[in-house]
C-alpha atoms as a PDB file:
ATOM      1  CA  MET A   1       0.000   0.000   0.000  1.00  0.00           C
ATOM      2  CA  THR A   2       1.524   3.339  -0.998  1.00  0.00           C
ATOM      3  CA  ASP A   3       1.097   6.590   0.893  1.00  0.00           C
ATOM      4  CA  ILE A   4      -2.005   8.627   0.168  1.00  0.00           C
ATOM      5  CA  CYS A   5      -0.971  11.670  -1.852  1.00  0.00           C
ATOM      6  CA  TYR A   6      -3.049  14.795  -2.403  1.00  0.00           C
ATOM      7  CA  PRO A   7      -2.344  17.479  -4.986  1.00  0.00           C
ATOM      8  CA  ASN A   8       0.043  20.338  -4.211  1.00  0.00           C
ATOM      9  CA  CYS A   9       1.265  18.863  -0.915  1.00  0.00           C
ATOM     10  CA  GLU A  10       4.754  19.697   0.290  1.00  0.00           C
ATOM     11  CA  GLN A  11       6.714  19.479   3.514  1.00  0.00           C
ATOM     12  CA  PRO A  12       7.822  22.812   5.043  1.00  0.00           C
ATOM     13  CA  GLN A  13      11.550  23.457   4.693  1.00  0.00           C
ATOM     14  CA  THR A  14      11.903  26.029   7.468  1.00  0.00           C
ATOM     15  CA  ARG A  15      11.271  25.876  11.210  1.00  0.00           C
ATOM     16  CA  ARG A  16       8.639  28.569  10.865  1.00  0.00           C
ATOM     17  CA  GLY A  17       6.907  26.534   8.197  1.00  0.00           C
ATOM     18  CA  GLN A  18       7.012  23.407  10.350  1.00  0.00           C
ATOM     19  CA  GLU A  19       5.521  25.307  13.280  1.00  0.00           C
ATOM     20  CA  ARG A  20       2.812  26.730  11.001  1.00  0.00           C
ATOM     21  CA  ARG A  21       1.942  23.275   9.692  1.00  0.00           C
ATOM     22  CA  LEU A  22       1.759  21.825  13.218  1.00  0.00           C
ATOM     23  CA  ALA A  23      -0.443  24.713  14.387  1.00  0.00           C
ATOM     24  CA  LEU A  24      -2.879  23.968  11.564  1.00  0.00           C
ATOM     25  CA  LEU A  25      -2.881  20.262  12.483  1.00  0.00           C
ATOM     26  CA  LEU A  26      -3.589  20.905  16.161  1.00  0.00           C
ATOM     27  CA  CYS A  27      -6.224  23.572  15.508  1.00  0.00           C
ATOM     28  CA  ALA A  28      -8.017  21.387  12.960  1.00  0.00           C
ATOM     29  CA  THR A  29      -7.932  18.461  15.393  1.00  0.00           C
ATOM     30  CA  ASP A  30      -9.604  20.536  18.115  1.00  0.00           C
ATOM     31  CA  LEU A  31     -12.293  21.760  15.732  1.00  0.00           C
ATOM     32  CA  PHE A  32     -12.975  18.296  14.288  1.00  0.00           C
ATOM     33  CA  LEU A  33     -13.359  16.866  17.796  1.00  0.00           C
ATOM     34  CA  GLU A  34     -15.572  19.760  18.915  1.00  0.00           C
ATOM     35  CA  LYS A  35     -17.888  20.026  15.902  1.00  0.00           C
ATOM     36  CA  GLY A  36     -17.351  16.867  13.885  1.00  0.00           C
ATOM     37  CA  TYR A  37     -15.439  16.494  10.643  1.00  0.00           C
ATOM     38  CA  ASP A  38     -18.320  17.332   8.293  1.00  0.00           C
ATOM     39  CA  ASP A  39     -19.250  20.526  10.156  1.00  0.00           C
ATOM     40  CA  VAL A  40     -15.784  22.118   9.965  1.00  0.00           C
ATOM     41  CA  SER A  41     -14.700  24.069   6.886  1.00  0.00           C
ATOM     42  CA  LEU A  42     -11.253  25.223   5.858  1.00  0.00           C
ATOM     43  CA  ASP A  43     -12.414  28.763   6.588  1.00  0.00           C
ATOM     44  CA  ASP A  44     -13.215  27.705  10.165  1.00  0.00           C
ATOM     45  CA  ILE A  45      -9.713  26.304  10.584  1.00  0.00           C
ATOM     46  CA  VAL A  46      -8.046  29.404   9.178  1.00  0.00           C
ATOM     47  CA  SER A  47     -10.249  31.616  11.345  1.00  0.00           C
ATOM     48  CA  HIS A  48      -9.041  29.840  14.485  1.00  0.00           C
ATOM     49  CA  ALA A  49      -5.433  29.117  13.505  1.00  0.00           C
ATOM     50  CA  GLY A  50      -4.737  32.318  11.555  1.00  0.00           C
ATOM     51  CA  GLY A  51      -3.012  32.577   8.215  1.00  0.00           C
ATOM     52  CA  SER A  52      -4.737  31.670   4.978  1.00  0.00           C
ATOM     53  CA  LYS A  53      -6.223  28.706   3.155  1.00  0.00           C
ATOM     54  CA  ALA A  54      -3.194  28.839   0.863  1.00  0.00           C
ATOM     55  CA  SER A  55      -1.148  27.262   3.675  1.00  0.00           C
ATOM     56  CA  ILE A  56      -3.614  24.379   3.966  1.00  0.00           C
ATOM     57  CA  TYR A  57      -3.528  23.781   0.207  1.00  0.00           C
ATOM     58  CA  LYS A  58       0.265  24.023   0.254  1.00  0.00           C
ATOM     59  CA  TYR A  59       0.904  21.580   3.091  1.00  0.00           C
ATOM     60  CA  PHE A  60      -2.108  19.256   2.862  1.00  0.00           C
ATOM     61  CA  GLY A  61      -3.727  19.676  -0.551  1.00  0.00           C
ATOM     62  CA  ASN A  62      -7.311  19.703   0.742  1.00  0.00           C
ATOM     63  CA  LYS A  63      -9.460  18.888   3.769  1.00  0.00           C
ATOM     64  CA  GLU A  64      -9.081  15.135   3.289  1.00  0.00           C
ATOM     65  CA  GLY A  65      -5.312  15.521   3.112  1.00  0.00           C
ATOM     66  CA  LEU A  66      -5.373  17.569   6.321  1.00  0.00           C
ATOM     67  CA  PHE A  67      -7.344  14.864   8.119  1.00  0.00           C
ATOM     68  CA  THR A  68      -4.926  12.202   6.853  1.00  0.00           C
ATOM     69  CA  ALA A  69      -1.995  14.279   8.107  1.00  0.00           C
ATOM     70  CA  ILE A  70      -3.660  14.574  11.515  1.00  0.00           C
ATOM     71  CA  CYS A  71      -4.017  10.792  11.676  1.00  0.00           C
ATOM     72  CA  ASP A  72      -0.358  10.399  10.668  1.00  0.00           C
ATOM     73  CA  TYR A  73       0.720  12.836  13.383  1.00  0.00           C
ATOM     74  CA  ARG A  74      -1.268  11.023  16.064  1.00  0.00           C
ATOM     75  CA  ARG A  75       0.130   7.701  14.842  1.00  0.00           C
ATOM     76  CA  GLU A  76       3.692   9.005  15.277  1.00  0.00           C
ATOM     77  CA  VAL A  77       2.877  10.195  18.809  1.00  0.00           C
ATOM     78  CA  PHE A  78       1.468   6.743  19.572  1.00  0.00           C
ATOM     79  CA  PHE A  79       4.582   4.907  18.380  1.00  0.00           C
ATOM     80  CA  ASN A  80       6.900   7.299  20.206  1.00  0.00           C
ATOM     81  CA  GLY A  81       5.087   6.949  23.507  1.00  0.00           C
ATOM     82  CA  VAL A  82       3.360   3.563  23.494  1.00  0.00           C
ATOM     83  CA  CYS A  83       4.665   0.922  21.097  1.00  0.00           C
ATOM     84  CA  LEU A  84       8.430   0.953  21.583  1.00  0.00           C
ATOM     85  CA  PRO A  85      11.036  -1.389  20.063  1.00  0.00           C
ATOM     86  CA  TYR A  86      12.088  -4.347  22.202  1.00  0.00           C
ATOM     87  CA  SER A  87      15.544  -4.080  23.810  1.00  0.00           C
ATOM     88  CA  PRO A  88      16.289  -7.374  25.593  1.00  0.00           C
ATOM     89  CA  ASP A  89      19.393  -5.886  27.231  1.00  0.00           C
ATOM     90  CA  CYS A  90      17.217  -3.306  28.994  1.00  0.00           C
ATOM     91  CA  VAL A  91      13.970  -5.110  29.811  1.00  0.00           C
ATOM     92  CA  SER A  92      12.702  -8.681  30.076  1.00  0.00           C
ATOM     93  CA  LEU A  93      10.189  -9.906  27.508  1.00  0.00           C
ATOM     94  CA  LYS A  94       7.540 -10.268  30.209  1.00  0.00           C
ATOM     95  CA  ASN A  95       7.975  -6.697  31.402  1.00  0.00           C
ATOM     96  CA  TYR A  96       8.091  -5.414  27.833  1.00  0.00           C
ATOM     97  CA  LEU A  97       4.808  -7.090  26.923  1.00  0.00           C
ATOM     98  CA  THR A  98       3.167  -5.997  30.173  1.00  0.00           C
ATOM     99  CA  GLN A  99       4.335  -2.386  29.971  1.00  0.00           C
ATOM    100  CA  THR A 100       3.315  -2.076  26.316  1.00  0.00           C
ATOM    101  CA  LEU A 101      -0.259  -3.100  27.124  1.00  0.00           C
ATOM    102  CA  GLN A 102      -0.338  -0.775  30.141  1.00  0.00           C
ATOM    103  CA  ARG A 103       0.790   2.166  28.018  1.00  0.00           C
ATOM    104  CA  PHE A 104      -1.660   1.163  25.283  1.00  0.00           C
ATOM    105  CA  TYR A 105      -4.501   1.054  27.817  1.00  0.00           C
ATOM    106  CA  HIS A 106      -3.654   4.481  29.244  1.00  0.00           C
ATOM    107  CA  HIS A 107      -3.514   5.880  25.712  1.00  0.00           C
ATOM    108  CA  ILE A 108      -6.863   4.587  24.452  1.00  0.00           C
ATOM    109  CA  ILE A 109      -8.872   5.593  27.551  1.00  0.00           C
ATOM    110  CA  LYS A 110      -7.928   9.290  27.355  1.00  0.00           C
ATOM    111  CA  PRO A 111     -11.096  11.259  26.497  1.00  0.00           C
ATOM    112  CA  GLU A 112      -9.469  13.031  23.530  1.00  0.00           C
ATOM    113  CA  ASN A 113      -8.208   9.739  22.097  1.00  0.00           C
ATOM    114  CA  ILE A 114     -11.601   8.109  22.591  1.00  0.00           C
ATOM    115  CA  ALA A 115     -13.285  10.968  20.725  1.00  0.00           C
ATOM    116  CA  PHE A 116     -10.732  10.829  17.923  1.00  0.00           C
ATOM    117  CA  MET A 117     -10.979   7.045  17.608  1.00  0.00           C
ATOM    118  CA  ARG A 118     -14.739   7.291  17.182  1.00  0.00           C
ATOM    119  CA  MET A 119     -14.424  10.099  14.641  1.00  0.00           C
ATOM    120  CA  PHE A 120     -11.779   8.211  12.689  1.00  0.00           C
ATOM    121  CA  THR A 121     -13.934   5.079  12.653  1.00  0.00           C
ATOM    122  CA  GLU A 122     -16.821   7.099  11.237  1.00  0.00           C
ATOM    123  CA  GLN A 123     -14.657   8.710   8.538  1.00  0.00           C
ATOM    124  CA  SER A 124     -12.908   5.480   7.557  1.00  0.00           C
ATOM    125  CA  GLN A 125     -16.301   3.886   6.877  1.00  0.00           C
ATOM    126  CA  LYS A 126     -16.840   6.574   4.232  1.00  0.00           C
ATOM    127  CA  ASP A 127     -13.353   6.317   2.734  1.00  0.00           C
ATOM    128  CA  THR A 128     -12.009   2.824   1.994  1.00  0.00           C
ATOM    129  CA  GLN A 129      -8.659   4.188   0.859  1.00  0.00           C
ATOM    130  CA  LEU A 130      -8.227   5.982   4.188  1.00  0.00           C
ATOM    131  CA  ALA A 131      -9.200   2.821   6.099  1.00  0.00           C
ATOM    132  CA  ASN A 132      -6.713   0.648   4.195  1.00  0.00           C
ATOM    133  CA  TYR A 133      -3.962   3.232   4.488  1.00  0.00           C
ATOM    134  CA  PHE A 134      -4.169   3.462   8.260  1.00  0.00           C
ATOM    135  CA  TYR A 135      -4.708  -0.225   8.769  1.00  0.00           C
ATOM    136  CA  ASP A 136      -1.364  -0.762   7.018  1.00  0.00           C
ATOM    137  CA  LYS A 137       0.352   2.181   8.672  1.00  0.00           C
ATOM    138  CA  CYS A 138      -0.936   1.687  12.212  1.00  0.00           C
ATOM    139  CA  ALA A 139      -2.487  -1.688  13.033  1.00  0.00           C
ATOM    140  CA  VAL A 140      -0.070  -3.706  10.907  1.00  0.00           C
ATOM    141  CA  ASN A 141       2.958  -1.737  12.136  1.00  0.00           C
ATOM    142  CA  ILE A 142       1.943  -2.220  15.766  1.00  0.00           C
ATOM    143  CA  GLN A 143       1.603  -5.957  15.279  1.00  0.00           C
ATOM    144  CA  ASN A 144       4.904  -6.074  13.381  1.00  0.00           C
ATOM    145  CA  THR A 145       6.670  -4.393  16.303  1.00  0.00           C
ATOM    146  CA  ILE A 146       5.438  -7.067  18.709  1.00  0.00           C
ATOM    147  CA  ALA A 147       6.059  -9.843  16.159  1.00  0.00           C
ATOM    148  CA  CYS A 148       9.689  -8.706  15.870  1.00  0.00           C
ATOM    149  CA  ALA A 149      10.055  -8.803  19.658  1.00  0.00           C
ATOM    150  CA  LEU A 150       8.619 -12.320  19.809  1.00  0.00           C
ATOM    151  CA  HIS A 151      10.803 -13.491  16.935  1.00  0.00           C
ATOM    152  CA  GLN A 152      13.875 -12.048  18.635  1.00  0.00           C
ATOM    153  CA  ALA A 153      12.978 -13.817  21.883  1.00  0.00           C
ATOM    154  CA  HIS A 154      12.465 -17.035  19.929  1.00  0.00           C
ATOM    155  CA  LEU A 155      15.937 -16.742  18.352  1.00  0.00           C
ATOM    156  CA  ASN A 156      17.374 -16.102  21.826  1.00  0.00           C
ATOM    157  CA  ASN A 157      15.756 -19.355  23.050  1.00  0.00           C
ATOM    158  CA  GLU A 158      13.607 -17.498  25.590  1.00  0.00           C
ATOM    159  CA  ILE A 159      10.335 -18.741  24.111  1.00  0.00           C
ATOM    160  CA  THR A 160       9.003 -20.936  21.333  1.00  0.00           C
ATOM    161  CA  CYS A 161       7.196 -18.823  18.759  1.00  0.00           C
ATOM    162  CA  MET A 162       6.981 -20.358  15.315  1.00  0.00           C
ATOM    163  CA  HIS A 163       4.391 -17.867  14.029  1.00  0.00           C
ATOM    164  CA  PRO A 164       5.189 -14.467  15.604  1.00  0.00           C
ATOM    165  CA  HIS A 165       2.639 -12.527  13.538  1.00  0.00           C
ATOM    166  CA  PHE A 166      -0.159 -14.873  14.611  1.00  0.00           C
ATOM    167  CA  SER A 167       0.998 -14.537  18.212  1.00  0.00           C
ATOM    168  CA  ALA A 168       1.185 -10.741  17.963  1.00  0.00           C
ATOM    169  CA  THR A 169      -2.438 -10.646  16.786  1.00  0.00           C
ATOM    170  CA  MET A 170      -3.408 -12.835  19.740  1.00  0.00           C
ATOM    171  CA  TYR A 171      -1.453 -10.579  22.116  1.00  0.00           C
ATOM    172  CA  PHE A 172      -3.326  -7.406  21.152  1.00  0.00           C
ATOM    173  CA  GLY A 173      -6.590  -9.273  21.556  1.00  0.00           C
ATOM    174  CA  ILE A 174      -5.982  -8.984  25.307  1.00  0.00           C
ATOM    175  CA  LEU A 175      -7.403  -5.436  25.252  1.00  0.00           C
ATOM    176  CA  ARG A 176      -9.985  -6.004  22.545  1.00  0.00           C
ATOM    177  CA  ASP A 177     -12.853  -5.794  25.050  1.00  0.00           C
ATOM    178  CA  VAL A 178     -11.678  -2.334  26.166  1.00  0.00           C
ATOM    179  CA  GLU A 179     -11.438  -1.151  22.550  1.00  0.00           C
ATOM    180  CA  TRP A 180     -14.931  -2.393  21.755  1.00  0.00           C
ATOM    181  CA  ARG A 181     -16.362  -0.688  24.831  1.00  0.00           C
ATOM    182  CA  ILE A 182     -14.734   2.579  23.793  1.00  0.00           C
ATOM    183  CA  LEU A 183     -16.067   2.424  20.241  1.00  0.00           C
ATOM    184  CA  MET A 184     -19.578   1.567  21.396  1.00  0.00           C
ATOM    185  CA  GLY A 185     -19.654   4.264  24.088  1.00  0.00           C
ATOM    186  CA  LEU A 186     -19.866   1.829  26.982  1.00  0.00           C
ATOM    187  CA  LYS A 187     -18.283   2.353  30.373  1.00  0.00           C
ATOM    188  CA  VAL A 188     -14.601   1.453  30.552  1.00  0.00           C
ATOM    189  CA  GLN A 189     -13.011  -0.049  33.649  1.00  0.00           C
ATOM    190  CA  GLU A 190     -11.758   2.879  35.762  1.00  0.00           C
ATOM    191  CA  ASN A 191      -9.700   0.871  38.278  1.00  0.00           C
ATOM    192  CA  ASP A 192      -6.131   0.745  36.967  1.00  0.00           C
ATOM    193  CA  LEU A 193      -5.136  -1.884  39.532  1.00  0.00           C
ATOM    194  CA  GLU A 194      -7.848  -4.266  38.344  1.00  0.00           C
ATOM    195  CA  ILE A 195      -7.053  -3.822  34.636  1.00  0.00           C
ATOM    196  CA  PHE A 196      -3.333  -4.133  35.346  1.00  0.00           C
ATOM    197  CA  ASP A 197      -3.961  -7.373  37.244  1.00  0.00           C
ATOM    198  CA  TYR A 198      -5.879  -8.591  34.187  1.00  0.00           C
ATOM    199  CA  ILE A 199      -3.018  -7.561  31.865  1.00  0.00           C
ATOM    200  CA  GLN A 200      -0.472  -9.351  34.045  1.00  0.00           C
ATOM    201  CA  TYR A 201      -2.645 -12.462  34.200  1.00  0.00           C
ATOM    202  CA  SER A 202      -3.087 -12.452  30.418  1.00  0.00           C
ATOM    203  CA  VAL A 203       0.611 -11.906  29.682  1.00  0.00           C
ATOM    204  CA  ASP A 204       1.489 -14.782  32.022  1.00  0.00           C
ATOM    205  CA  LEU A 205      -0.887 -17.074  30.104  1.00  0.00           C
ATOM    206  CA  PHE A 206       0.420 -15.769  26.782  1.00  0.00           C
ATOM    207  CA  LEU A 207       4.026 -16.530  27.739  1.00  0.00           C
ATOM    208  CA  LYS A 208       3.044 -19.908  29.184  1.00  0.00           C
ATOM    209  CA  ALA A 209       1.621 -20.808  25.773  1.00  0.00           C
ATOM    210  CA  HIS A 210       5.025 -19.939  24.266  1.00  0.00           C
ATOM    211  CA  GLN A 211       7.286 -21.468  26.887  1.00  0.00           C
ATOM    212  CA  LYS A 212      10.165 -23.696  25.889  1.00  0.00           C
ATOM    213  CA  VAL A 213       9.291 -27.370  26.105  1.00  0.00           C
END
């Protein structure tokens, strides 16, 4: 799957341009979350962020390109703060798997992230290209990160994992109930200790299923 490209898009070459682009991203995000994607115009964004629509056309091409860029930005924040590469010299596999799910849980229960996840789900249902793009860029990349960690642990004789991508899919299923509750607007478990006990229990079972015989 190749990147989605919109006409007349370009990356800013100066610090001022980068700051201007980020300001447009953040302002548009706030407006989309407040009013909904369909009820926000480019004029609304410019009115709140300042500048002109020419900057939006220059950096994003159009409204759809701006929304895609917002999703890309939030994806980068997610990978930088939640789904980190596995470093066996610094952390055990058990702690790595446990801490990743804990960070993932804290990320998806934030009110702003819940609102954005729901909005993205609504928009992706209208745009198959957008849905495929972010499935490849986000969901697949997340699972690949865990699959690489499991494969590395397998090569180091820590576990037996013949199909790391299958196992990575199983691993993220641990929090599937929380994700479904969020998307459907149901109450999410508010007791961190209880959910963390559940995560620890699940990771223990997951590793037991992959233990060396």
